[in-house]
Amino acid sequence: MDMQQPALLSSAALWVMHLQLYWASMSTHVKLRHWAAEQGQDEMYRCLQHWASAYTGAAVVCNRDTLGHCNPKCLQEGFDILTSIKSYDNIVMNLINLGIDLAYNPGVMVSYSG
């Protein structure tokens, strides 16, 4: 699956939510790409050239109920974004700590801190 569009959308969302964090991530990405080129890390450099997201990683959860998501390494002022890709019906995201349920239709992005 092509992840370019969701990656760009999540980057745009971060730009709106936390401009300083967005630019810090972009700056780190550029520095890492330069470092990879200087160190002869050709495969890393090629991957970084095509990485479209301001986020530094991606995790995939496939077609199932999952345990509550917790990112203990995320700074409190940092953001995670979850998005639903593909066609699913009647999916609900339960945010236990907030006590709310969200309709989680295809294309929906949910961002939260911590």
PDB file of N, CA and C in Angstrom:
ATOM      1  N   MET A   1       0.843  -1.191   0.000  1.00  0.00           N
ATOM      2  CA  MET A   1       0.000   0.000   0.000  1.00  0.00           C
ATOM      3  C   MET A   1       0.876   1.238   0.000  1.00  0.00           C
ATOM      4  N   ASP A   2       0.499   2.205  -0.780  1.00  0.00           N
ATOM      5  CA  ASP A   2       1.230   3.456  -0.854  1.00  0.00           C
ATOM      6  C   ASP A   2       0.945   4.278   0.402  1.00  0.00           C
ATOM      7  N   MET A   3       1.988   4.597   1.140  1.00  0.00           N
ATOM      8  CA  MET A   3       1.837   5.336   2.394  1.00  0.00           C
ATOM      9  C   MET A   3       2.149   6.816   2.238  1.00  0.00           C
ATOM     10  N   GLN A   4       2.464   7.267   1.034  1.00  0.00           N
ATOM     11  CA  GLN A   4       2.828   8.666   0.827  1.00  0.00           C
ATOM     12  C   GLN A   4       1.709   9.625   1.240  1.00  0.00           C
ATOM     13  N   GLN A   5       0.486   9.370   0.788  1.00  0.00           N
ATOM     14  CA  GLN A   5      -0.607  10.293   1.089  1.00  0.00           C
ATOM     15  C   GLN A   5      -0.912  10.336   2.589  1.00  0.00           C
ATOM     16  N   PRO A   6      -1.090   9.193   3.279  1.00  0.00           N
ATOM     17  CA  PRO A   6      -1.311   9.272   4.728  1.00  0.00           C
ATOM     18  C   PRO A   6      -0.139   9.933   5.460  1.00  0.00           C
ATOM     19  N   ALA A   7       1.086   9.693   5.000  1.00  0.00           N
ATOM     20  CA  ALA A   7       2.255  10.304   5.641  1.00  0.00           C
ATOM     21  C   ALA A   7       2.225  11.824   5.489  1.00  0.00           C
ATOM     22  N   LEU A   8       1.889  12.282   4.303  1.00  0.00           N
ATOM     23  CA  LEU A   8       1.802  13.731   4.071  1.00  0.00           C
ATOM     24  C   LEU A   8       0.663  14.361   4.864  1.00  0.00           C
ATOM     25  N   LEU A   9      -0.460  13.666   4.947  1.00  0.00           N
ATOM     26  CA  LEU A   9      -1.590  14.187   5.724  1.00  0.00           C
ATOM     27  C   LEU A   9      -1.256  14.266   7.213  1.00  0.00           C
ATOM     28  N   SER A  10      -0.579  13.247   7.731  1.00  0.00           N
ATOM     29  CA  SER A  10      -0.212  13.286   9.150  1.00  0.00           C
ATOM     30  C   SER A  10       0.810  14.391   9.406  1.00  0.00           C
ATOM     31  N   SER A  11       1.690  14.629   8.464  1.00  0.00           N
ATOM     32  CA  SER A  11       2.657  15.723   8.599  1.00  0.00           C
ATOM     33  C   SER A  11       1.950  17.071   8.599  1.00  0.00           C
ATOM     34  N   ALA A  12       0.968  17.221   7.716  1.00  0.00           N
ATOM     35  CA  ALA A  12       0.199  18.469   7.671  1.00  0.00           C
ATOM     36  C   ALA A  12      -0.568  18.678   8.977  1.00  0.00           C
ATOM     37  N   ALA A  13      -1.102  17.606   9.527  1.00  0.00           N
ATOM     38  CA  ALA A  13      -1.817  17.706  10.806  1.00  0.00           C
ATOM     39  C   ALA A  13      -0.862  18.149  11.911  1.00  0.00           C
ATOM     40  N   LEU A  14       0.337  17.586  11.938  1.00  0.00           N
ATOM     41  CA  LEU A  14       1.312  17.993  12.949  1.00  0.00           C
ATOM     42  C   LEU A  14       1.689  19.456  12.760  1.00  0.00           C
ATOM     43  N   TRP A  15       1.829  19.901  11.524  1.00  0.00           N
ATOM     44  CA  TRP A  15       2.164  21.296  11.239  1.00  0.00           C
ATOM     45  C   TRP A  15       1.113  22.231  11.843  1.00  0.00           C
ATOM     46  N   VAL A  16      -0.161  21.845  11.745  1.00  0.00           N
ATOM     47  CA  VAL A  16      -1.246  22.651  12.300  1.00  0.00           C
ATOM     48  C   VAL A  16      -1.265  22.577  13.831  1.00  0.00           C
ATOM     49  N   MET A  17      -1.068  21.376  14.377  1.00  0.00           N
ATOM     50  CA  MET A  17      -1.192  21.176  15.825  1.00  0.00           C
ATOM     51  C   MET A  17      -0.002  21.703  16.613  1.00  0.00           C
ATOM     52  N   HIS A  18       1.197  21.536  16.051  1.00  0.00           N
ATOM     53  CA  HIS A  18       2.401  21.881  16.829  1.00  0.00           C
ATOM     54  C   HIS A  18       3.523  22.235  15.850  1.00  0.00           C
ATOM     55  N   LEU A  19       3.519  23.472  15.387  1.00  0.00           N
ATOM     56  CA  LEU A  19       4.456  23.923  14.350  1.00  0.00           C
ATOM     57  C   LEU A  19       5.910  23.733  14.770  1.00  0.00           C
ATOM     58  N   GLN A  20       6.236  24.032  16.019  1.00  0.00           N
ATOM     59  CA  GLN A  20       7.611  23.901  16.493  1.00  0.00           C
ATOM     60  C   GLN A  20       8.075  22.439  16.443  1.00  0.00           C
ATOM     61  N   LEU A  21       7.215  21.518  16.846  1.00  0.00           N
ATOM     62  CA  LEU A  21       7.558  20.097  16.788  1.00  0.00           C
ATOM     63  C   LEU A  21       7.730  19.632  15.341  1.00  0.00           C
ATOM     64  N   TYR A  22       6.876  20.130  14.451  1.00  0.00           N
ATOM     65  CA  TYR A  22       6.991  19.808  13.027  1.00  0.00           C
ATOM     66  C   TYR A  22       8.359  20.207  12.489  1.00  0.00           C
ATOM     67  N   TRP A  23       8.775  21.473  12.747  1.00  0.00           N
ATOM     68  CA  TRP A  23      10.053  21.945  12.218  1.00  0.00           C
ATOM     69  C   TRP A  23      11.237  21.250  12.873  1.00  0.00           C
ATOM     70  N   ALA A  24      11.129  20.885  14.136  1.00  0.00           N
ATOM     71  CA  ALA A  24      12.198  20.133  14.796  1.00  0.00           C
ATOM     72  C   ALA A  24      12.364  18.772  14.128  1.00  0.00           C
ATOM     73  N   SER A  25      11.254  18.134  13.801  1.00  0.00           N
ATOM     74  CA  SER A  25      11.304  16.833  13.133  1.00  0.00           C
ATOM     75  C   SER A  25      11.890  16.953  11.736  1.00  0.00           C
ATOM     76  N   MET A  26      11.468  17.968  10.983  1.00  0.00           N
ATOM     77  CA  MET A  26      11.998  18.160   9.634  1.00  0.00           C
ATOM     78  C   MET A  26      13.498  18.446   9.663  1.00  0.00           C
ATOM     79  N   SER A  27      13.938  19.252  10.607  1.00  0.00           N
ATOM     80  CA  SER A  27      15.357  19.570  10.752  1.00  0.00           C
ATOM     81  C   SER A  27      16.166  18.314  11.064  1.00  0.00           C
ATOM     82  N   THR A  28      15.642  17.488  11.968  1.00  0.00           N
ATOM     83  CA  THR A  28      16.313  16.229  12.312  1.00  0.00           C
ATOM     84  C   THR A  28      16.394  15.315  11.101  1.00  0.00           C
ATOM     85  N   HIS A  29      15.317  15.260  10.337  1.00  0.00           N
ATOM     86  CA  HIS A  29      15.281  14.422   9.135  1.00  0.00           C
ATOM     87  C   HIS A  29      16.372  14.843   8.140  1.00  0.00           C
ATOM     88  N   VAL A  30      16.502  16.141   7.906  1.00  0.00           N
ATOM     89  CA  VAL A  30      17.507  16.660   6.968  1.00  0.00           C
ATOM     90  C   VAL A  30      18.917  16.348   7.484  1.00  0.00           C
ATOM     91  N   LYS A  31      19.161  16.589   8.758  1.00  0.00           N
ATOM     92  CA  LYS A  31      20.480  16.306   9.346  1.00  0.00           C
ATOM     93  C   LYS A  31      20.820  14.826   9.255  1.00  0.00           C
ATOM     94  N   LEU A  32      19.835  13.969   9.510  1.00  0.00           N
ATOM     95  CA  LEU A  32      20.064  12.528   9.433  1.00  0.00           C
ATOM     96  C   LEU A  32      20.366  12.102   8.005  1.00  0.00           C
ATOM     97  N   ARG A  33      19.670  12.697   7.045  1.00  0.00           N
ATOM     98  CA  ARG A  33      19.930  12.377   5.641  1.00  0.00           C
ATOM     99  C   ARG A  33      21.347  12.789   5.242  1.00  0.00           C
ATOM    100  N   HIS A  34      21.784  13.977   5.678  1.00  0.00           N
ATOM    101  CA  HIS A  34      23.155  14.415   5.394  1.00  0.00           C
ATOM    102  C   HIS A  34      24.176  13.489   6.057  1.00  0.00           C
ATOM    103  N   TRP A  35      23.910  13.107   7.299  1.00  0.00           N
ATOM    104  CA  TRP A  35      24.810  12.201   8.011  1.00  0.00           C
ATOM    105  C   TRP A  35      24.926  10.868   7.275  1.00  0.00           C
ATOM    106  N   ALA A  36      23.787  10.317   6.835  1.00  0.00           N
ATOM    107  CA  ALA A  36      23.793   9.033   6.127  1.00  0.00           C
ATOM    108  C   ALA A  36      24.626   9.132   4.846  1.00  0.00           C
ATOM    109  N   ALA A  37      24.514  10.241   4.120  1.00  0.00           N
ATOM    110  CA  ALA A  37      25.291  10.431   2.894  1.00  0.00           C
ATOM    111  C   ALA A  37      26.781  10.510   3.204  1.00  0.00           C
ATOM    112  N   GLU A  38      27.129  11.276   4.232  1.00  0.00           N
ATOM    113  CA  GLU A  38      28.545  11.433   4.605  1.00  0.00           C
ATOM    114  C   GLU A  38      29.166  10.135   5.105  1.00  0.00           C
ATOM    115  N   GLN A  39      28.373   9.308   5.767  1.00  0.00           N
ATOM    116  CA  GLN A  39      28.878   8.056   6.334  1.00  0.00           C
ATOM    117  C   GLN A  39      28.800   6.880   5.363  1.00  0.00           C
ATOM    118  N   GLY A  40      28.317   7.120   4.175  1.00  0.00           N
ATOM    119  CA  GLY A  40      28.213   6.048   3.185  1.00  0.00           C
ATOM    120  C   GLY A  40      27.092   5.062   3.486  1.00  0.00           C
ATOM    121  N   GLN A  41      26.109   5.498   4.248  1.00  0.00           N
ATOM    122  CA  GLN A  41      24.954   4.653   4.567  1.00  0.00           C
ATOM    123  C   GLN A  41      23.929   4.791   3.438  1.00  0.00           C
ATOM    124  N   ASP A  42      24.259   4.161   2.297  1.00  0.00           N
ATOM    125  CA  ASP A  42      23.476   4.359   1.083  1.00  0.00           C
ATOM    126  C   ASP A  42      22.017   3.910   1.206  1.00  0.00           C
ATOM    127  N   GLU A  43      21.794   2.753   1.821  1.00  0.00           N
ATOM    128  CA  GLU A  43      20.415   2.270   1.953  1.00  0.00           C
ATOM    129  C   GLU A  43      19.600   3.199   2.850  1.00  0.00           C
ATOM    130  N   MET A  44      20.194   3.642   3.955  1.00  0.00           N
ATOM    131  CA  MET A  44      19.510   4.570   4.848  1.00  0.00           C
ATOM    132  C   MET A  44      19.220   5.880   4.121  1.00  0.00           C
ATOM    133  N   TYR A  45      20.174   6.365   3.379  1.00  0.00           N
ATOM    134  CA  TYR A  45      20.001   7.611   2.632  1.00  0.00           C
ATOM    135  C   TYR A  45      18.841   7.489   1.645  1.00  0.00           C
ATOM    136  N   ARG A  46      18.790   6.361   0.897  1.00  0.00           N
ATOM    137  CA  ARG A  46      17.709   6.155  -0.074  1.00  0.00           C
ATOM    138  C   ARG A  46      16.344   6.114   0.622  1.00  0.00           C
ATOM    139  N   CYS A  47      16.284   5.441   1.757  1.00  0.00           N
ATOM    140  CA  CYS A  47      15.014   5.377   2.499  1.00  0.00           C
ATOM    141  C   CYS A  47      14.585   6.760   2.976  1.00  0.00           C
ATOM    142  N   LEU A  48      15.539   7.528   3.473  1.00  0.00           N
ATOM    143  CA  LEU A  48      15.227   8.861   3.979  1.00  0.00           C
ATOM    144  C   LEU A  48      14.774   9.809   2.865  1.00  0.00           C
ATOM    145  N   GLN A  49      15.269   9.593   1.657  1.00  0.00           N
ATOM    146  CA  GLN A  49      14.846  10.420   0.527  1.00  0.00           C
ATOM    147  C   GLN A  49      13.362  10.247   0.230  1.00  0.00           C
ATOM    148  N   HIS A  50      12.824   9.062   0.526  1.00  0.00           N
ATOM    149  CA  HIS A  50      11.428   8.756   0.205  1.00  0.00           C
ATOM    150  C   HIS A  50      10.504   8.827   1.417  1.00  0.00           C
ATOM    151  N   TRP A  51      11.043   9.102   2.607  1.00  0.00           N
ATOM    152  CA  TRP A  51      10.229   9.164   3.815  1.00  0.00           C
ATOM    153  C   TRP A  51       9.435  10.470   3.795  1.00  0.00           C
ATOM    154  N   ALA A  52       8.127  10.377   3.678  1.00  0.00           N
ATOM    155  CA  ALA A  52       7.285  11.559   3.471  1.00  0.00           C
ATOM    156  C   ALA A  52       6.712  12.136   4.762  1.00  0.00           C
ATOM    157  N   SER A  53       6.934  11.486   5.875  1.00  0.00           N
ATOM    158  CA  SER A  53       6.283  11.891   7.114  1.00  0.00           C
ATOM    159  C   SER A  53       7.193  12.707   8.023  1.00  0.00           C
ATOM    160  N   ALA A  54       6.596  13.644   8.753  1.00  0.00           N
ATOM    161  CA  ALA A  54       7.337  14.363   9.793  1.00  0.00           C
ATOM    162  C   ALA A  54       7.603  13.431  10.973  1.00  0.00           C
ATOM    163  N   TYR A  55       6.824  12.373  11.066  1.00  0.00           N
ATOM    164  CA  TYR A  55       7.018  11.389  12.131  1.00  0.00           C
ATOM    165  C   TYR A  55       8.198  10.492  11.783  1.00  0.00           C
ATOM    166  N   THR A  56       8.855   9.983  12.804  1.00  0.00           N
ATOM    167  CA  THR A  56      10.070   9.193  12.582  1.00  0.00           C
ATOM    168  C   THR A  56       9.818   7.698  12.523  1.00  0.00           C
ATOM    169  N   GLY A  57       8.600   7.282  12.703  1.00  0.00           N
ATOM    170  CA  GLY A  57       8.304   5.854  12.667  1.00  0.00           C
ATOM    171  C   GLY A  57       6.849   5.611  12.334  1.00  0.00           C
ATOM    172  N   ALA A  58       6.562   4.367  12.010  1.00  0.00           N
ATOM    173  CA  ALA A  58       5.192   3.962  11.725  1.00  0.00           C
ATOM    174  C   ALA A  58       4.989   2.565  12.269  1.00  0.00           C
ATOM    175  N   ALA A  59       3.832   2.309  12.816  1.00  0.00           N
ATOM    176  CA  ALA A  59       3.471   0.975  13.287  1.00  0.00           C
ATOM    177  C   ALA A  59       2.157   0.604  12.614  1.00  0.00           C
ATOM    178  N   VAL A  60       1.989  -0.666  12.335  1.00  0.00           N
ATOM    179  CA  VAL A  60       0.789  -1.134  11.650  1.00  0.00           C
ATOM    180  C   VAL A  60       0.050  -2.103  12.558  1.00  0.00           C
ATOM    181  N   VAL A  61      -1.247  -1.880  12.709  1.00  0.00           N
ATOM    182  CA  VAL A  61      -2.115  -2.791  13.438  1.00  0.00           C
ATOM    183  C   VAL A  61      -3.135  -3.293  12.431  1.00  0.00           C
ATOM    184  N   CYS A  62      -3.265  -4.592  12.293  1.00  0.00           N
ATOM    185  CA  CYS A  62      -4.103  -5.159  11.238  1.00  0.00           C
ATOM    186  C   CYS A  62      -5.377  -5.811  11.762  1.00  0.00           C
ATOM    187  N   ASN A  63      -6.517  -5.320  11.281  1.00  0.00           N
ATOM    188  CA  ASN A  63      -7.824  -5.984  11.378  1.00  0.00           C
ATOM    189  C   ASN A  63      -8.120  -6.730  12.665  1.00  0.00           C
ATOM    190  N   ARG A  64      -8.016  -6.089  13.783  1.00  0.00           N
ATOM    191  CA  ARG A  64      -8.351  -6.779  15.019  1.00  0.00           C
ATOM    192  C   ARG A  64      -8.579  -5.778  16.136  1.00  0.00           C
ATOM    193  N   ASP A  65      -9.197  -6.280  17.181  1.00  0.00           N
ATOM    194  CA  ASP A  65      -9.265  -5.482  18.404  1.00  0.00           C
ATOM    195  C   ASP A  65      -7.872  -5.479  19.003  1.00  0.00           C
ATOM    196  N   THR A  66      -7.457  -4.354  19.481  1.00  0.00           N
ATOM    197  CA  THR A  66      -6.108  -4.268  20.051  1.00  0.00           C
ATOM    198  C   THR A  66      -6.177  -3.764  21.480  1.00  0.00           C
ATOM    199  N   LEU A  67      -5.138  -4.054  22.204  1.00  0.00           N
ATOM    200  CA  LEU A  67      -5.018  -3.544  23.555  1.00  0.00           C
ATOM    201  C   LEU A  67      -4.860  -2.037  23.495  1.00  0.00           C
ATOM    202  N   GLY A  68      -5.067  -1.381  24.613  1.00  0.00           N
ATOM    203  CA  GLY A  68      -4.901   0.062  24.661  1.00  0.00           C
ATOM    204  C   GLY A  68      -3.515   0.469  24.207  1.00  0.00           C
ATOM    205  N   HIS A  69      -3.439   1.517  23.406  1.00  0.00           N
ATOM    206  CA  HIS A  69      -2.158   1.999  22.889  1.00  0.00           C
ATOM    207  C   HIS A  69      -1.490   2.871  23.943  1.00  0.00           C
ATOM    208  N   CYS A  70      -0.231   2.629  24.165  1.00  0.00           N
ATOM    209  CA  CYS A  70       0.542   3.454  25.082  1.00  0.00           C
ATOM    210  C   CYS A  70       1.938   3.601  24.487  1.00  0.00           C
ATOM    211  N   ASN A  71       2.412   4.824  24.413  1.00  0.00           N
ATOM    212  CA  ASN A  71       3.741   5.077  23.887  1.00  0.00           C
ATOM    213  C   ASN A  71       4.575   5.694  25.007  1.00  0.00           C
ATOM    214  N   PRO A  72       5.202   4.866  25.847  1.00  0.00           N
ATOM    215  CA  PRO A  72       5.915   5.389  27.014  1.00  0.00           C
ATOM    216  C   PRO A  72       7.140   6.232  26.668  1.00  0.00           C
ATOM    217  N   LYS A  73       7.636   6.121  25.429  1.00  0.00           N
ATOM    218  CA  LYS A  73       8.819   6.898  25.046  1.00  0.00           C
ATOM    219  C   LYS A  73       8.456   8.242  24.420  1.00  0.00           C
ATOM    220  N   CYS A  74       7.165   8.497  24.241  1.00  0.00           N
ATOM    221  CA  CYS A  74       6.722   9.754  23.647  1.00  0.00           C
ATOM    222  C   CYS A  74       6.752  10.848  24.713  1.00  0.00           C
ATOM    223  N   LEU A  75       7.363  11.962  24.366  1.00  0.00           N
ATOM    224  CA  LEU A  75       7.352  13.097  25.269  1.00  0.00           C
ATOM    225  C   LEU A  75       5.924  13.581  25.448  1.00  0.00           C
ATOM    226  N   GLN A  76       5.646  14.138  26.625  1.00  0.00           N
ATOM    227  CA  GLN A  76       4.293  14.596  26.893  1.00  0.00           C
ATOM    228  C   GLN A  76       3.828  15.627  25.863  1.00  0.00           C
ATOM    229  N   GLU A  77       4.754  16.462  25.393  1.00  0.00           N
ATOM    230  CA  GLU A  77       4.371  17.472  24.409  1.00  0.00           C
ATOM    231  C   GLU A  77       4.410  16.939  22.974  1.00  0.00           C
ATOM    232  N   GLY A  78       4.774  15.672  22.796  1.00  0.00           N
ATOM    233  CA  GLY A  78       4.794  15.047  21.474  1.00  0.00           C
ATOM    234  C   GLY A  78       3.420  14.527  21.096  1.00  0.00           C
ATOM    235  N   PHE A  79       3.245  14.166  19.829  1.00  0.00           N
ATOM    236  CA  PHE A  79       1.959  13.684  19.343  1.00  0.00           C
ATOM    237  C   PHE A  79       2.122  12.353  18.627  1.00  0.00           C
ATOM    238  N   ASP A  80       1.157  11.479  18.818  1.00  0.00           N
ATOM    239  CA  ASP A  80       0.998  10.276  18.006  1.00  0.00           C
ATOM    240  C   ASP A  80      -0.234  10.512  17.141  1.00  0.00           C
ATOM    241  N   ILE A  81      -0.226   9.941  15.962  1.00  0.00           N
ATOM    242  CA  ILE A  81      -1.407  10.005  15.102  1.00  0.00           C
ATOM    243  C   ILE A  81      -1.759   8.587  14.694  1.00  0.00           C
ATOM    244  N   LEU A  82      -3.016   8.229  14.874  1.00  0.00           N
ATOM    245  CA  LEU A  82      -3.542   6.954  14.400  1.00  0.00           C
ATOM    246  C   LEU A  82      -4.488   7.252  13.259  1.00  0.00           C
ATOM    247  N   THR A  83      -4.426   6.441  12.227  1.00  0.00           N
ATOM    248  CA  THR A  83      -5.338   6.638  11.097  1.00  0.00           C
ATOM    249  C   THR A  83      -5.848   5.291  10.613  1.00  0.00           C
ATOM    250  N   SER A  84      -7.050   5.297  10.100  1.00  0.00           N
ATOM    251  CA  SER A  84      -7.667   4.089   9.561  1.00  0.00           C
ATOM    252  C   SER A  84      -7.530   4.120   8.046  1.00  0.00           C
ATOM    253  N   ILE A  85      -7.010   3.036   7.501  1.00  0.00           N
ATOM    254  CA  ILE A  85      -6.825   2.929   6.057  1.00  0.00           C
ATOM    255  C   ILE A  85      -7.588   1.702   5.585  1.00  0.00           C
ATOM    256  N   LYS A  86      -8.222   1.782   4.470  1.00  0.00           N
ATOM    257  CA  LYS A  86      -9.020   0.727   3.857  1.00  0.00           C
ATOM    258  C   LYS A  86     -10.488   0.959   4.154  1.00  0.00           C
ATOM    259  N   SER A  87     -11.322   0.002   3.782  1.00  0.00           N
ATOM    260  CA  SER A  87     -12.772   0.126   3.961  1.00  0.00           C
ATOM    261  C   SER A  87     -13.241  -0.789   5.084  1.00  0.00           C
ATOM    262  N   TYR A  88     -13.648  -0.185   6.165  1.00  0.00           N
ATOM    263  CA  TYR A  88     -14.181  -0.914   7.307  1.00  0.00           C
ATOM    264  C   TYR A  88     -15.467  -0.244   7.718  1.00  0.00           C
ATOM    265  N   ASP A  89     -16.400  -1.007   8.244  1.00  0.00           N
ATOM    266  CA  ASP A  89     -17.669  -0.459   8.701  1.00  0.00           C
ATOM    267  C   ASP A  89     -17.786  -0.595  10.209  1.00  0.00           C
ATOM    268  N   ASN A  90     -18.456   0.374  10.804  1.00  0.00           N
ATOM    269  CA  ASN A  90     -18.808   0.324  12.225  1.00  0.00           C
ATOM    270  C   ASN A  90     -17.613   0.131  13.155  1.00  0.00           C
ATOM    271  N   ILE A  91     -16.513   0.807  12.870  1.00  0.00           N
ATOM    272  CA  ILE A  91     -15.340   0.727  13.724  1.00  0.00           C
ATOM    273  C   ILE A  91     -15.403   1.868  14.734  1.00  0.00           C
ATOM    274  N   VAL A  92     -15.076   1.546  15.974  1.00  0.00           N
ATOM    275  CA  VAL A  92     -15.102   2.538  17.045  1.00  0.00           C
ATOM    276  C   VAL A  92     -13.748   2.538  17.736  1.00  0.00           C
ATOM    277  N   MET A  93     -13.196   3.735  17.944  1.00  0.00           N
ATOM    278  CA  MET A  93     -11.975   3.857  18.735  1.00  0.00           C
ATOM    279  C   MET A  93     -12.391   4.310  20.128  1.00  0.00           C
ATOM    280  N   ASN A  94     -12.053   3.506  21.104  1.00  0.00           N
ATOM    281  CA  ASN A  94     -12.377   3.816  22.492  1.00  0.00           C
ATOM    282  C   ASN A  94     -11.159   4.430  23.158  1.00  0.00           C
ATOM    283  N   LEU A  95     -11.260   5.700  23.538  1.00  0.00           N
ATOM    284  CA  LEU A  95     -10.181   6.376  24.254  1.00  0.00           C
ATOM    285  C   LEU A  95     -10.493   6.285  25.746  1.00  0.00           C
ATOM    286  N   ILE A  96      -9.992   5.232  26.355  1.00  0.00           N
ATOM    287  CA  ILE A  96     -10.326   4.891  27.734  1.00  0.00           C
ATOM    288  C   ILE A  96      -9.995   6.028  28.694  1.00  0.00           C
ATOM    289  N   ASN A  97      -8.805   6.609  28.537  1.00  0.00           N
ATOM    290  CA  ASN A  97      -8.383   7.660  29.472  1.00  0.00           C
ATOM    291  C   ASN A  97      -9.242   8.916  29.380  1.00  0.00           C
ATOM    292  N   LEU A  98      -9.904   9.132  28.239  1.00  0.00           N
ATOM    293  CA  LEU A  98     -10.787  10.291  28.083  1.00  0.00           C
ATOM    294  C   LEU A  98     -12.252   9.927  28.289  1.00  0.00           C
ATOM    295  N   GLY A  99     -12.537   8.623  28.319  1.00  0.00           N
ATOM    296  CA  GLY A  99     -13.913   8.176  28.493  1.00  0.00           C
ATOM    297  C   GLY A  99     -14.797   8.456  27.296  1.00  0.00           C
ATOM    298  N   ILE A 100     -14.230   8.418  26.082  1.00  0.00           N
ATOM    299  CA  ILE A 100     -15.024   8.693  24.880  1.00  0.00           C
ATOM    300  C   ILE A 100     -14.796   7.615  23.825  1.00  0.00           C
ATOM    301  N   ASP A 101     -15.782   7.464  22.956  1.00  0.00           N
ATOM    302  CA  ASP A 101     -15.682   6.589  21.788  1.00  0.00           C
ATOM    303  C   ASP A 101     -15.774   7.471  20.548  1.00  0.00           C
ATOM    304  N   LEU A 102     -14.943   7.178  19.560  1.00  0.00           N
ATOM    305  CA  LEU A 102     -14.941   7.938  18.308  1.00  0.00           C
ATOM    306  C   LEU A 102     -15.279   7.017  17.147  1.00  0.00           C
ATOM    307  N   ALA A 103     -16.126   7.489  16.235  1.00  0.00           N
ATOM    308  CA  ALA A 103     -16.337   6.763  14.983  1.00  0.00           C
ATOM    309  C   ALA A 103     -15.008   6.772  14.248  1.00  0.00           C
ATOM    310  N   TYR A 104     -14.529   5.613  13.843  1.00  0.00           N
ATOM    311  CA  TYR A 104     -13.199   5.486  13.262  1.00  0.00           C
ATOM    312  C   TYR A 104     -13.321   4.986  11.828  1.00  0.00           C
ATOM    313  N   ASN A 105     -13.981   5.791  11.008  1.00  0.00           N
ATOM    314  CA  ASN A 105     -14.221   5.445   9.610  1.00  0.00           C
ATOM    315  C   ASN A 105     -12.936   5.570   8.791  1.00  0.00           C
ATOM    316  N   PRO A 106     -12.887   4.968   7.593  1.00  0.00           N
ATOM    317  CA  PRO A 106     -11.690   5.087   6.760  1.00  0.00           C
ATOM    318  C   PRO A 106     -11.296   6.530   6.535  1.00  0.00           C
ATOM    319  N   GLY A 107     -10.012   6.805   6.689  1.00  0.00           N
ATOM    320  CA  GLY A 107      -9.480   8.138   6.479  1.00  0.00           C
ATOM    321  C   GLY A 107      -9.468   9.025   7.721  1.00  0.00           C
ATOM    322  N   VAL A 108     -10.089   8.576   8.796  1.00  0.00           N
ATOM    323  CA  VAL A 108     -10.115   9.365  10.025  1.00  0.00           C
ATOM    324  C   VAL A 108      -8.727   9.324  10.664  1.00  0.00           C
ATOM    325  N   MET A 109      -8.265  10.479  11.147  1.00  0.00           N
ATOM    326  CA  MET A 109      -7.014  10.546  11.887  1.00  0.00           C
ATOM    327  C   MET A 109      -7.316  11.017  13.301  1.00  0.00           C
ATOM    328  N   VAL A 110      -6.730  10.336  14.261  1.00  0.00           N
ATOM    329  CA  VAL A 110      -6.875  10.716  15.667  1.00  0.00           C
ATOM    330  C   VAL A 110      -5.480  11.030  16.179  1.00  0.00           C
ATOM    331  N   SER A 111      -5.331  12.214  16.730  1.00  0.00           N
ATOM    332  CA  SER A 111      -4.033  12.615  17.279  1.00  0.00           C
ATOM    333  C   SER A 111      -4.175  12.821  18.769  1.00  0.00           C
ATOM    334  N   TYR A 112      -3.159  12.413  19.479  1.00  0.00           N
ATOM    335  CA  TYR A 112      -3.168  12.593  20.935  1.00  0.00           C
ATOM    336  C   TYR A 112      -1.746  12.695  21.432  1.00  0.00           C
ATOM    337  N   SER A 113      -1.610  13.192  22.615  1.00  0.00           N
ATOM    338  CA  SER A 113      -0.292  13.363  23.221  1.00  0.00           C
ATOM    339  C   SER A 113      -0.055  12.260  24.233  1.00  0.00           C
ATOM    340  N   GLY A 114       1.150  11.656  24.169  1.00  0.00           N
ATOM    341  CA  GLY A 114       1.548  10.683  25.180  1.00  0.00           C
ATOM    342  C   GLY A 114       1.117   9.290  24.963  1.00  0.00           C
TER     343      GLY A 114
END
